[in-house]
Structure formats: C-alpha cells, structure tokens
N, C-alpha and C. Protein backbone atom coordinates (compact mmCIF):
# COMPACT_ATOMS: atom_id res chain seq x y z
N MET A 1 92.75 72.52 102.89
CA MET A 1 92.00 73.43 102.04
C MET A 1 92.92 74.58 101.62
N LEU A 2 92.86 74.90 100.35
CA LEU A 2 93.71 75.95 99.79
C LEU A 2 93.46 77.31 100.44
N THR A 3 92.21 77.61 100.71
CA THR A 3 91.87 78.90 101.34
C THR A 3 92.53 79.02 102.70
N ARG A 4 92.51 77.94 103.46
CA ARG A 4 93.14 77.97 104.80
C ARG A 4 94.63 78.27 104.69
N TRP A 5 95.30 77.61 103.74
CA TRP A 5 96.73 77.84 103.55
C TRP A 5 97.00 79.27 103.09
N TRP A 6 96.20 79.75 102.14
CA TRP A 6 96.37 81.12 101.63
C TRP A 6 96.25 82.13 102.77
N LEU A 7 95.20 82.00 103.57
CA LEU A 7 94.98 82.96 104.65
C LEU A 7 96.06 82.87 105.72
N THR A 8 96.56 81.67 105.98
CA THR A 8 97.64 81.50 106.94
C THR A 8 98.92 82.16 106.44
N ILE A 9 99.24 81.93 105.18
CA ILE A 9 100.45 82.54 104.61
C ILE A 9 100.30 84.06 104.55
N PHE A 10 99.14 84.53 104.13
CA PHE A 10 98.90 85.98 104.06
C PHE A 10 99.02 86.60 105.45
N GLY A 11 98.40 85.98 106.45
CA GLY A 11 98.48 86.50 107.81
C GLY A 11 99.90 86.50 108.35
N ALA A 12 100.62 85.41 108.08
CA ALA A 12 102.01 85.34 108.53
C ALA A 12 102.86 86.42 107.86
N ALA A 13 102.61 86.67 106.57
CA ALA A 13 103.36 87.72 105.86
C ALA A 13 103.08 89.09 106.48
N CYS A 14 101.81 89.35 106.79
CA CYS A 14 101.47 90.63 107.43
C CYS A 14 102.17 90.76 108.77
N ALA A 15 102.15 89.69 109.56
CA ALA A 15 102.79 89.73 110.87
C ALA A 15 104.30 89.94 110.74
N LEU A 16 104.92 89.30 109.75
CA LEU A 16 106.36 89.48 109.54
C LEU A 16 106.69 90.91 109.10
N ILE A 17 105.85 91.48 108.26
CA ILE A 17 106.05 92.89 107.86
C ILE A 17 105.94 93.78 109.10
N GLY A 18 104.94 93.51 109.94
CA GLY A 18 104.80 94.26 111.18
C GLY A 18 106.02 94.12 112.08
N LEU A 19 106.54 92.91 112.18
CA LEU A 19 107.74 92.69 113.00
C LEU A 19 108.94 93.47 112.45
N ALA A 20 109.07 93.50 111.12
CA ALA A 20 110.16 94.27 110.52
C ALA A 20 110.03 95.75 110.86
N HIS A 21 108.81 96.27 110.76
CA HIS A 21 108.60 97.69 111.08
C HIS A 21 108.84 97.95 112.57
N LEU A 22 108.47 96.99 113.41
CA LEU A 22 108.66 97.15 114.84
C LEU A 22 110.14 97.18 115.22
N PHE A 23 110.89 96.21 114.73
CA PHE A 23 112.28 96.07 115.18
C PHE A 23 113.29 96.84 114.34
N ILE A 24 113.00 97.06 113.06
CA ILE A 24 113.93 97.82 112.21
C ILE A 24 113.53 99.29 112.19
N GLY A 25 112.24 99.56 112.32
CA GLY A 25 111.77 100.94 112.33
C GLY A 25 111.70 101.52 110.93
N PRO A 26 111.90 102.81 110.81
CA PRO A 26 111.75 103.50 109.53
C PRO A 26 112.64 102.95 108.42
N GLY A 27 113.74 102.31 108.78
CA GLY A 27 114.62 101.72 107.77
C GLY A 27 113.96 100.59 107.00
N SER A 28 112.84 100.09 107.50
CA SER A 28 112.13 99.01 106.82
C SER A 28 111.14 99.53 105.78
N ILE A 29 110.99 100.84 105.69
CA ILE A 29 110.05 101.43 104.74
C ILE A 29 110.75 101.63 103.40
N ILE A 30 110.24 100.96 102.37
CA ILE A 30 110.83 101.05 101.03
C ILE A 30 110.73 102.50 100.54
N GLY A 31 111.85 103.07 100.17
CA GLY A 31 111.85 104.44 99.67
C GLY A 31 111.71 105.50 100.75
N GLY A 32 111.72 105.08 102.00
CA GLY A 32 111.58 106.03 103.11
C GLY A 32 112.86 106.80 103.36
N GLY A 33 112.80 107.64 104.32
CA GLY A 33 113.96 108.44 104.68
C GLY A 33 113.97 108.71 106.17
N PRO A 34 114.80 109.63 106.59
CA PRO A 34 114.88 109.95 108.01
C PRO A 34 113.55 110.49 108.55
N VAL A 35 113.25 110.13 109.77
CA VAL A 35 112.04 110.63 110.43
C VAL A 35 112.41 111.11 111.82
N ASN A 36 111.51 111.87 112.42
CA ASN A 36 111.76 112.30 113.79
C ASN A 36 111.24 111.24 114.77
N ALA A 37 111.48 111.44 116.04
CA ALA A 37 111.12 110.45 117.07
C ALA A 37 109.61 110.23 117.12
N THR A 38 108.82 111.24 116.84
CA THR A 38 107.36 111.10 116.87
C THR A 38 106.88 110.16 115.78
N ILE A 39 107.39 110.32 114.57
CA ILE A 39 107.00 109.45 113.46
C ILE A 39 107.48 108.03 113.72
N ASP A 40 108.70 107.88 114.23
CA ASP A 40 109.24 106.55 114.56
C ASP A 40 108.35 105.87 115.59
N SER A 41 107.96 106.60 116.62
CA SER A 41 107.10 106.06 117.66
C SER A 41 105.76 105.60 117.08
N ASP A 42 105.17 106.42 116.24
CA ASP A 42 103.89 106.08 115.63
C ASP A 42 104.02 104.85 114.73
N LEU A 43 105.07 104.81 113.93
CA LEU A 43 105.29 103.67 113.04
C LEU A 43 105.37 102.37 113.84
N ARG A 44 106.12 102.38 114.92
CA ARG A 44 106.29 101.16 115.70
C ARG A 44 104.99 100.78 116.43
N PHE A 45 104.21 101.78 116.84
CA PHE A 45 102.91 101.51 117.44
C PHE A 45 102.00 100.80 116.43
N TYR A 46 101.90 101.35 115.23
CA TYR A 46 101.05 100.75 114.19
C TYR A 46 101.60 99.40 113.73
N ALA A 47 102.90 99.19 113.85
CA ALA A 47 103.49 97.90 113.50
C ALA A 47 102.92 96.79 114.38
N VAL A 48 102.76 97.09 115.66
CA VAL A 48 102.19 96.10 116.58
C VAL A 48 100.75 95.77 116.16
N LEU A 49 100.00 96.76 115.72
CA LEU A 49 98.64 96.50 115.25
C LEU A 49 98.66 95.63 113.99
N PHE A 50 99.63 95.85 113.10
CA PHE A 50 99.72 95.04 111.89
C PHE A 50 100.12 93.60 112.22
N ILE A 51 100.93 93.42 113.25
CA ILE A 51 101.26 92.07 113.72
C ILE A 51 99.97 91.38 114.18
N GLY A 52 99.19 92.09 114.96
CA GLY A 52 97.91 91.54 115.42
C GLY A 52 96.95 91.28 114.28
N PHE A 53 96.94 92.14 113.28
CA PHE A 53 96.12 91.97 112.09
C PHE A 53 96.49 90.66 111.40
N GLY A 54 97.78 90.45 111.19
CA GLY A 54 98.24 89.21 110.56
C GLY A 54 97.91 87.99 111.40
N ALA A 55 98.11 88.11 112.69
CA ALA A 55 97.78 87.00 113.60
C ALA A 55 96.29 86.69 113.55
N GLY A 56 95.48 87.70 113.35
CA GLY A 56 94.04 87.50 113.22
C GLY A 56 93.69 86.63 112.03
N PHE A 57 94.37 86.83 110.92
CA PHE A 57 94.15 85.98 109.75
C PHE A 57 94.56 84.54 110.03
N VAL A 58 95.70 84.37 110.68
CA VAL A 58 96.17 83.01 111.01
C VAL A 58 95.16 82.34 111.93
N TRP A 59 94.70 83.06 112.94
CA TRP A 59 93.71 82.53 113.88
C TRP A 59 92.42 82.15 113.15
N ALA A 60 91.93 83.03 112.30
CA ALA A 60 90.68 82.76 111.58
C ALA A 60 90.83 81.58 110.63
N ALA A 61 91.98 81.46 109.99
CA ALA A 61 92.21 80.38 109.03
C ALA A 61 92.13 79.00 109.69
N ALA A 62 92.41 78.93 110.98
CA ALA A 62 92.40 77.65 111.69
C ALA A 62 91.00 77.06 111.80
N ASP A 63 89.95 77.89 111.69
CA ASP A 63 88.57 77.40 111.79
C ASP A 63 87.66 78.28 110.94
N LEU A 64 87.77 78.13 109.63
CA LEU A 64 87.03 79.01 108.72
C LEU A 64 85.52 78.85 108.83
N ALA A 65 85.07 77.68 109.20
CA ALA A 65 83.62 77.48 109.33
C ALA A 65 83.03 78.42 110.38
N ARG A 66 83.78 78.65 111.44
CA ARG A 66 83.29 79.52 112.53
C ARG A 66 83.80 80.95 112.44
N ARG A 67 84.94 81.16 111.75
CA ARG A 67 85.61 82.46 111.81
C ARG A 67 85.66 83.20 110.48
N ALA A 68 84.84 82.79 109.54
CA ALA A 68 84.83 83.46 108.23
C ALA A 68 84.50 84.94 108.38
N ALA A 69 83.62 85.27 109.30
CA ALA A 69 83.25 86.68 109.50
C ALA A 69 84.46 87.51 109.91
N ALA A 70 85.35 86.93 110.69
CA ALA A 70 86.57 87.65 111.09
C ALA A 70 87.44 87.95 109.87
N VAL A 71 87.52 86.99 108.95
CA VAL A 71 88.27 87.22 107.71
C VAL A 71 87.68 88.38 106.94
N HIS A 72 86.36 88.46 106.90
CA HIS A 72 85.70 89.56 106.18
C HIS A 72 85.96 90.91 106.85
N VAL A 73 85.93 90.94 108.16
CA VAL A 73 86.21 92.19 108.88
C VAL A 73 87.66 92.62 108.63
N LEU A 74 88.58 91.68 108.77
CA LEU A 74 89.99 91.99 108.53
C LEU A 74 90.21 92.41 107.07
N GLY A 75 89.54 91.73 106.15
CA GLY A 75 89.65 92.11 104.74
C GLY A 75 89.12 93.50 104.49
N GLY A 76 88.02 93.85 105.15
CA GLY A 76 87.48 95.21 105.01
C GLY A 76 88.47 96.25 105.50
N LEU A 77 89.16 95.94 106.59
CA LEU A 77 90.19 96.86 107.09
C LEU A 77 91.34 96.99 106.09
N PHE A 78 91.72 95.88 105.48
CA PHE A 78 92.79 95.90 104.48
C PHE A 78 92.39 96.77 103.29
N LEU A 79 91.15 96.61 102.85
CA LEU A 79 90.64 97.42 101.74
C LEU A 79 90.64 98.91 102.12
N LEU A 80 90.20 99.21 103.33
CA LEU A 80 90.22 100.60 103.78
C LEU A 80 91.64 101.15 103.82
N GLY A 81 92.60 100.29 104.14
CA GLY A 81 94.00 100.70 104.11
C GLY A 81 94.43 101.11 102.71
N GLY A 82 93.98 100.37 101.70
CA GLY A 82 94.27 100.74 100.32
C GLY A 82 93.65 102.07 99.96
N LEU A 83 92.43 102.30 100.42
CA LEU A 83 91.78 103.59 100.17
C LEU A 83 92.51 104.72 100.90
N ALA A 84 93.04 104.42 102.08
CA ALA A 84 93.82 105.41 102.83
C ALA A 84 95.08 105.79 102.07
N ARG A 85 95.68 104.83 101.38
CA ARG A 85 96.85 105.16 100.55
C ARG A 85 96.46 106.14 99.44
N MET A 86 95.27 105.93 98.88
CA MET A 86 94.81 106.84 97.83
C MET A 86 94.59 108.24 98.39
N LEU A 87 94.07 108.33 99.61
CA LEU A 87 93.91 109.62 100.28
C LEU A 87 95.27 110.28 100.48
N ALA A 88 96.26 109.50 100.88
CA ALA A 88 97.61 110.04 101.08
C ALA A 88 98.18 110.59 99.77
N ILE A 89 97.95 109.88 98.68
CA ILE A 89 98.41 110.37 97.37
C ILE A 89 97.74 111.69 97.04
N TRP A 90 96.46 111.77 97.29
CA TRP A 90 95.70 112.98 96.99
C TRP A 90 96.19 114.15 97.84
N GLN A 91 96.52 113.87 99.11
CA GLN A 91 96.90 114.95 100.01
C GLN A 91 98.38 115.31 99.97
N THR A 92 99.26 114.32 99.76
CA THR A 92 100.69 114.63 99.88
C THR A 92 101.53 114.24 98.68
N GLY A 93 100.95 113.54 97.71
CA GLY A 93 101.70 113.18 96.52
C GLY A 93 101.98 111.69 96.41
N VAL A 94 102.60 111.32 95.33
CA VAL A 94 102.84 109.91 95.00
C VAL A 94 104.05 109.38 95.78
N PRO A 95 103.84 108.25 96.48
CA PRO A 95 104.95 107.64 97.23
C PRO A 95 105.81 106.77 96.31
N ASN A 96 106.71 106.03 96.90
CA ASN A 96 107.51 105.05 96.18
C ASN A 96 106.56 104.13 95.38
N ILE A 97 106.96 103.75 94.20
CA ILE A 97 106.12 102.95 93.30
C ILE A 97 105.63 101.66 93.97
N PHE A 98 106.40 101.08 94.86
CA PHE A 98 105.97 99.87 95.57
C PHE A 98 104.62 100.10 96.24
N TYR A 99 104.46 101.24 96.90
CA TYR A 99 103.23 101.51 97.63
C TYR A 99 102.07 101.85 96.69
N VAL A 100 102.38 102.41 95.55
CA VAL A 100 101.34 102.64 94.54
C VAL A 100 100.84 101.29 94.03
N LEU A 101 101.77 100.36 93.81
CA LEU A 101 101.39 99.03 93.32
C LEU A 101 100.66 98.20 94.39
N MET A 102 100.80 98.57 95.64
CA MET A 102 100.08 97.86 96.70
C MET A 102 98.60 98.20 96.73
N ILE A 103 98.21 99.35 96.19
CA ILE A 103 96.80 99.76 96.24
C ILE A 103 95.89 98.72 95.58
N PRO A 104 96.15 98.30 94.34
CA PRO A 104 95.26 97.28 93.77
C PRO A 104 95.27 95.98 94.56
N VAL A 105 96.42 95.62 95.12
CA VAL A 105 96.49 94.40 95.94
C VAL A 105 95.58 94.55 97.15
N GLU A 106 95.63 95.70 97.80
CA GLU A 106 94.84 95.93 99.00
C GLU A 106 93.35 96.02 98.72
N ILE A 107 93.00 96.25 97.49
CA ILE A 107 91.58 96.28 97.12
C ILE A 107 91.13 94.91 96.61
N VAL A 108 91.98 94.21 95.89
CA VAL A 108 91.60 92.93 95.28
C VAL A 108 91.63 91.78 96.29
N VAL A 109 92.61 91.75 97.18
CA VAL A 109 92.74 90.62 98.12
C VAL A 109 91.48 90.44 98.96
N PRO A 110 90.88 91.48 99.52
CA PRO A 110 89.65 91.25 100.29
C PRO A 110 88.51 90.69 99.43
N VAL A 111 88.42 91.12 98.19
CA VAL A 111 87.39 90.58 97.29
C VAL A 111 87.67 89.11 97.00
N LEU A 112 88.94 88.79 96.75
CA LEU A 112 89.34 87.40 96.53
C LEU A 112 89.01 86.54 97.75
N ASN A 113 89.33 87.04 98.92
CA ASN A 113 89.03 86.30 100.15
C ASN A 113 87.53 86.08 100.30
N TRP A 114 86.75 87.09 99.99
CA TRP A 114 85.29 86.97 100.08
C TRP A 114 84.80 85.88 99.14
N LEU A 115 85.33 85.85 97.92
CA LEU A 115 84.93 84.83 96.95
C LEU A 115 85.38 83.44 97.41
N LEU A 116 86.58 83.33 97.94
CA LEU A 116 87.08 82.04 98.41
C LEU A 116 86.27 81.51 99.59
N LEU A 117 85.74 82.41 100.40
CA LEU A 117 84.99 81.99 101.58
C LEU A 117 83.50 81.83 101.31
N LYS A 118 83.06 82.12 100.10
CA LYS A 118 81.65 82.00 99.76
C LYS A 118 81.10 80.61 100.11
N PRO A 119 81.83 79.53 99.78
CA PRO A 119 81.32 78.20 100.16
C PRO A 119 81.21 77.98 101.67
N ALA A 120 82.02 78.69 102.44
CA ALA A 120 82.00 78.51 103.91
C ALA A 120 80.80 79.20 104.55
N ARG A 121 80.15 80.10 103.81
CA ARG A 121 79.01 80.82 104.38
C ARG A 121 77.74 80.02 104.30
C-alpha cells in the first residue's frame, strides 16, 4: 500500500534528521550558528524525541488498520510544530528560508495523512 510506504519513508526521514541533530549537534541546523552548552544540550534532547517521533510513524505504518489513530496523533504534533515555527517568527523574527518553507509542509502533511488514512477508518 502506498500509504504504508509513504509513512515509513516519512518516519525514517524524521528519525534520520533527529540522528543528525543528535550526533552532529548545532552544526546540523541549516543557517544556524554558534550556541552555548545549554542550547546544545536542549537541541540534542529534542533530537532524541524527534527520533522517537519518526520511529512512531514507522511503527504505525506496519499496521495501519490498528494504528491509524497513532498516525493522527503524530500528525497533530507535526502540525503544532509548524504553528510553533510561526510563533517563533512572530516573537524573534524570520529564520533561514528553509525553515520558513517547512511551515506549509508541516501543516499540509498531517492533512494529507488524514486523507490517505480515511479508507482505513
């Protein structure tokens, strides 16, 4: 099923991004710069959560009939992440264009996933 492959690839991509942030640290942030030890520590902590987030998609994709709700929860979190980027823009200014372009992706992907899983419900 195409949906299963899409969610597996998406989850794996998220996990790989998390791994890059975990092991490379702030140098993996496009357009980023030097940070202090506190920011580095926080980044690597959240990287582990993003690895788990991606793994959650891979896990859910293995049995969509039973785990579609997990995809929706994870998608809702992804959408909230996009809204959090908008809050960051409002509070601190516009980041690197890559992250601005991620906002529509973070809002559209959960809607796309919801539509793709409609038959599974």
